[in-house]
Amino acid sequence: MKARARVVAGPGGPYTAAVLRSDLPIVLRPADDAIHLAQGAAGPLGGDDLELSIEVPAGLSLRLRAVASTLVLPSAAGGTARIVVRAVVGAGASLELLLEPVVVADGASVELITEIDLAAAASLLWREEVVLGRYGESGGEATTRIDVTRGGLPLLRTGSQLRGGDSVTHGPAVLGTGRAAGSLLSVGYGDRACQPGPDMAAMSLAGGGILFTAVAASAIVLRRALDAQTPAPADLATV
């Protein structure tokens, strides 16, 4: 399955869109607090290729949420599912891209790619969470990549490769005994005291912003850790 969906922010607030184009299984719906992303079919399955394009014109804002986790399943034909998010955020614009976890079932493989182009005076709040396996599963394989530019210059280039049941993934240098990993990137928010816990790291970026990375035993524990570092919308600074 191949799908291409698109959303362009509108002038009516962070939950409005000038363009809202769904493409099954990617379903986009406006609500009174955000634009919500829903799954219109099971999966993705191995071999599926899904892409979401986001544009926030200068001076506007967009808040994007998901109604549920994404469950990546294996397919009889095998192959790796691919989920790509590409965003362009204009000058004085802001994007909150806080989706739900990607759960990788046993035997499944997924590649998660995020590419975000920020204007020099733009703000971003982005979260990504990966959970290896459903309850009782060791989980499949997840490869992640996040590339962010700001003002035409590289801001962040990072990624990971996780495999359920793999001795390297579950070794002391990666997840340890955990099965969930996530990141939170905030750019354009005011200075905040950073107090990451023992299973979280905080890194200030040279081009502005802070990246938090955490590991946890479950999706619930991971979300609590990242939520503790997530600024409220009212904290958005003038950039």
Protein backbone atom coordinates (compact mmCIF):
# COMPACT_ATOMS: atom_id res chain seq x y z
CA MET A 1 0.00 0.00 0.00
CA LYS A 2 1.20 3.50 -0.87
CA ALA A 3 -0.39 6.62 0.63
CA ARG A 4 0.33 10.34 0.46
CA ALA A 5 -1.53 12.75 2.77
CA ARG A 6 -1.11 16.52 3.17
CA VAL A 7 -2.07 19.26 5.59
CA VAL A 8 -1.48 23.00 5.25
CA ALA A 9 -2.21 25.21 8.25
CA GLY A 10 -5.00 27.77 7.98
CA PRO A 11 -5.38 31.23 9.55
CA GLY A 12 -8.06 30.25 12.07
CA GLY A 13 -5.79 28.85 14.78
CA PRO A 14 -3.63 25.77 15.46
CA TYR A 15 -6.51 23.38 14.75
CA THR A 16 -7.54 24.75 11.35
CA ALA A 17 -6.30 23.76 7.91
CA ALA A 18 -6.37 25.48 4.53
CA VAL A 19 -5.63 22.13 2.88
CA LEU A 20 -6.51 18.77 4.43
CA ARG A 21 -6.03 15.78 2.16
CA SER A 22 -6.33 12.24 3.50
CA ASP A 23 -5.15 9.14 1.69
CA LEU A 24 -6.08 5.79 3.22
CA PRO A 25 -4.92 4.56 5.64
CA ILE A 26 -3.90 8.10 6.69
CA VAL A 27 -7.06 9.93 7.78
CA LEU A 28 -6.86 13.60 8.85
CA ARG A 29 -9.75 15.18 10.76
CA PRO A 30 -10.11 18.67 12.30
CA ALA A 31 -11.25 18.94 15.92
CA ASP A 32 -11.66 21.77 18.41
CA ASP A 33 -8.14 21.32 19.84
CA ALA A 34 -5.98 20.02 16.96
CA ILE A 35 -5.87 18.30 13.60
CA HIS A 36 -6.12 14.59 14.43
CA LEU A 37 -4.51 11.74 12.54
CA ALA A 38 -6.33 8.41 12.52
CA GLN A 39 -5.69 5.03 10.94
CA GLY A 40 -8.24 4.12 8.28
CA ALA A 41 -7.04 0.51 8.07
CA ALA A 42 -4.98 -1.99 10.03
CA GLY A 43 -1.25 -1.70 9.89
CA PRO A 44 0.92 -0.50 8.32
CA LEU A 45 2.09 -3.88 7.10
CA GLY A 46 5.51 -4.85 5.82
CA GLY A 47 6.11 -3.18 2.47
CA ASP A 48 3.63 -0.32 3.00
CA ASP A 49 4.88 3.19 2.14
CA LEU A 50 3.11 6.05 3.96
CA GLU A 51 3.96 9.75 3.79
CA LEU A 52 2.50 12.81 5.48
CA SER A 53 3.38 16.29 4.20
CA ILE A 54 2.90 19.28 6.54
CA GLU A 55 3.18 22.98 5.73
CA VAL A 56 2.82 25.85 8.18
CA PRO A 57 3.00 29.19 6.34
CA ALA A 58 4.67 32.22 7.91
CA GLY A 59 2.95 33.53 11.02
CA LEU A 60 0.54 30.61 11.38
CA SER A 61 0.43 27.68 13.81
CA LEU A 62 -0.57 24.04 13.61
CA ARG A 63 -1.20 21.43 16.27
CA LEU A 64 -1.20 17.81 15.04
CA ARG A 65 -2.16 14.86 17.24
CA ALA A 66 -2.97 11.17 16.73
CA VAL A 67 -6.07 9.43 18.08
CA ALA A 68 -4.25 6.16 18.83
CA SER A 69 -0.95 4.34 18.60
CA THR A 70 0.29 2.99 15.26
CA LEU A 71 0.68 -0.80 15.24
CA VAL A 72 3.18 -2.07 12.67
CA LEU A 73 2.44 -5.67 11.63
CA PRO A 74 4.35 -8.18 9.50
CA SER A 75 3.01 -9.20 6.10
CA ALA A 76 3.07 -12.55 4.36
CA ALA A 77 5.26 -11.04 1.64
CA GLY A 78 7.71 -9.67 4.20
CA GLY A 79 9.43 -6.32 3.76
CA THR A 80 9.80 -3.16 5.81
CA ALA A 81 7.04 -0.62 6.33
CA ARG A 82 8.06 3.00 5.74
CA ILE A 83 6.49 6.00 7.46
CA VAL A 84 7.73 9.43 6.39
CA VAL A 85 6.77 12.82 7.84
CA ARG A 86 7.98 15.94 6.04
CA ALA A 87 7.27 19.42 7.40
CA VAL A 88 8.05 22.99 6.38
CA VAL A 89 7.52 25.73 9.00
CA GLY A 90 7.72 29.36 7.91
CA ALA A 91 9.01 32.48 9.65
CA GLY A 92 7.17 33.23 12.89
CA ALA A 93 5.17 29.99 12.52
CA SER A 94 4.90 27.12 15.00
CA LEU A 95 4.27 23.40 14.70
CA GLU A 96 3.30 21.00 17.49
CA LEU A 97 3.73 17.48 16.18
CA LEU A 98 2.95 15.20 19.12
CA LEU A 99 1.85 11.81 17.80
CA GLU A 100 1.19 8.56 19.64
CA PRO A 101 3.69 5.67 19.92
CA VAL A 102 4.63 3.37 17.08
CA VAL A 103 4.34 -0.22 18.34
CA VAL A 104 6.35 -2.80 16.38
CA ALA A 105 4.87 -6.30 16.63
CA ASP A 106 6.89 -9.51 16.51
CA GLY A 107 8.19 -10.18 13.01
CA ALA A 108 7.50 -6.63 11.81
CA SER A 109 9.98 -4.06 10.54
CA VAL A 110 9.51 -0.31 10.15
CA GLU A 111 11.52 2.69 9.03
CA LEU A 112 10.49 6.02 10.57
CA ILE A 113 11.80 9.11 8.77
CA THR A 114 11.14 12.69 9.88
CA GLU A 115 12.37 15.70 7.90
CA ILE A 116 11.58 19.19 9.22
CA ASP A 117 12.65 22.48 7.64
CA LEU A 118 12.31 25.43 10.03
CA ALA A 119 12.68 29.08 9.16
CA ALA A 120 15.14 30.93 11.39
CA ALA A 121 12.24 32.44 13.37
CA ALA A 122 10.06 29.32 13.68
CA SER A 123 9.07 27.12 16.60
CA LEU A 124 8.73 23.36 16.89
CA LEU A 125 7.55 20.84 19.44
CA TRP A 126 8.07 17.27 18.16
CA ARG A 127 7.78 13.89 19.85
CA GLU A 128 8.51 10.37 18.65
CA GLU A 129 8.01 7.16 20.65
CA VAL A 130 8.79 3.57 19.66
CA VAL A 131 7.63 0.51 21.62
CA LEU A 132 9.06 -2.91 20.86
CA GLY A 133 6.21 -5.41 20.84
CA ARG A 134 2.74 -5.67 22.23
CA TYR A 135 2.17 -7.20 25.67
CA GLY A 136 4.08 -10.49 25.90
CA GLU A 137 6.08 -9.85 22.70
CA SER A 138 9.77 -9.04 22.30
CA GLY A 139 8.99 -6.88 19.28
CA GLY A 140 10.29 -6.46 15.76
CA GLU A 141 12.76 -3.98 14.26
CA ALA A 142 12.53 -0.18 14.09
CA THR A 143 14.94 2.19 12.35
CA THR A 144 14.40 5.89 13.03
CA ARG A 145 15.86 9.03 11.47
CA ILE A 146 15.18 12.70 12.27
CA ASP A 147 16.70 15.51 10.20
CA VAL A 148 15.94 19.12 11.18
CA THR A 149 17.23 22.30 9.58
CA ARG A 150 16.75 25.83 10.89
CA GLY A 151 17.35 28.88 8.79
CA GLY A 152 18.89 26.69 6.11
CA LEU A 153 21.48 25.21 8.48
CA PRO A 154 21.55 21.72 10.02
CA LEU A 155 20.08 21.72 13.52
CA LEU A 156 19.72 18.01 14.32
CA ARG A 157 20.68 14.75 12.64
CA THR A 158 20.11 11.62 14.68
CA GLY A 159 18.52 8.19 14.58
CA SER A 160 18.44 4.71 16.05
CA GLN A 161 18.11 1.05 15.17
CA LEU A 162 16.24 -1.14 17.63
CA ARG A 163 15.51 -4.89 17.51
CA GLY A 164 13.34 -6.77 19.97
CA GLY A 165 15.22 -9.56 21.70
CA ASP A 166 18.57 -8.37 20.33
CA SER A 167 21.47 -8.41 22.82
CA VAL A 168 22.83 -5.09 21.51
CA THR A 169 19.48 -3.28 21.67
CA HIS A 170 18.89 -4.59 25.18
CA GLY A 171 22.47 -4.10 26.28
CA PRO A 172 23.63 -1.39 28.71
CA ALA A 173 24.49 1.08 25.90
CA VAL A 174 21.00 1.18 24.32
CA LEU A 175 17.72 0.18 26.02
CA GLY A 176 19.00 -1.99 28.84
CA THR A 177 15.96 -3.78 30.24
CA GLY A 178 13.57 -1.27 28.63
CA ARG A 179 11.37 -1.81 25.59
CA ALA A 180 10.31 1.76 24.82
CA ALA A 181 12.37 4.69 23.57
CA GLY A 182 11.40 8.23 22.68
CA SER A 183 12.56 11.75 21.93
CA LEU A 184 11.15 15.22 22.48
CA LEU A 185 12.53 18.21 20.57
CA SER A 186 11.57 21.76 21.50
CA VAL A 187 12.78 24.71 19.43
CA GLY A 188 11.72 28.32 19.99
CA TYR A 189 10.52 27.90 23.55
CA GLY A 190 11.75 29.96 26.47
CA ASP A 191 14.58 28.81 28.70
CA ARG A 192 13.43 26.14 31.11
CA ALA A 193 15.10 24.28 33.93
CA CYS A 194 15.97 20.82 32.62
CA GLN A 195 15.88 18.06 35.21
CA PRO A 196 15.99 14.77 33.27
CA GLY A 197 15.66 11.56 35.26
CA PRO A 198 18.12 8.65 35.40
CA ASP A 199 16.78 7.13 32.16
CA MET A 200 16.72 10.42 30.20
CA ALA A 201 19.31 12.65 28.58
CA ALA A 202 18.99 16.33 27.65
CA MET A 203 21.08 17.97 24.95
CA SER A 204 21.11 21.68 24.11
CA LEU A 205 21.50 22.23 20.38
CA ALA A 206 23.97 24.74 18.98
CA GLY A 207 21.34 26.21 16.66
CA GLY A 208 18.78 26.59 19.46
CA GLY A 209 16.45 24.13 21.15
CA ILE A 210 16.68 21.13 23.45
CA LEU A 211 16.49 17.43 22.62
CA PHE A 212 15.32 15.02 25.32
CA THR A 213 15.84 11.29 24.82
CA ALA A 214 14.42 8.67 27.18
CA VAL A 215 14.10 4.90 27.60
CA ALA A 216 11.52 3.12 29.73
CA ALA A 217 10.00 -0.22 30.58
CA SER A 218 6.66 0.67 28.99
CA ALA A 219 4.89 3.24 26.84
CA ILE A 220 3.14 4.71 29.89
CA VAL A 221 6.38 5.31 31.78
CA LEU A 222 7.99 6.77 28.66
CA ARG A 223 5.13 9.21 28.09
CA ARG A 224 5.24 10.41 31.68
CA ALA A 225 8.96 11.11 31.37
CA LEU A 226 8.55 13.10 28.15
CA ASP A 227 5.43 14.91 29.37
CA ALA A 228 7.42 16.20 32.33
CA GLN A 229 9.69 18.05 29.87
CA THR A 230 6.97 19.25 27.47
CA PRO A 231 6.28 23.00 27.66
CA ALA A 232 2.68 24.17 27.64
CA PRO A 233 1.47 26.01 24.53
CA ALA A 234 1.31 29.22 26.57
CA ASP A 235 5.08 28.98 27.09
CA LEU A 236 5.76 29.51 23.39
CA ALA A 237 8.32 32.26 23.15
CA THR A 238 8.45 35.04 20.61
CA VAL A 239 11.25 34.08 18.22
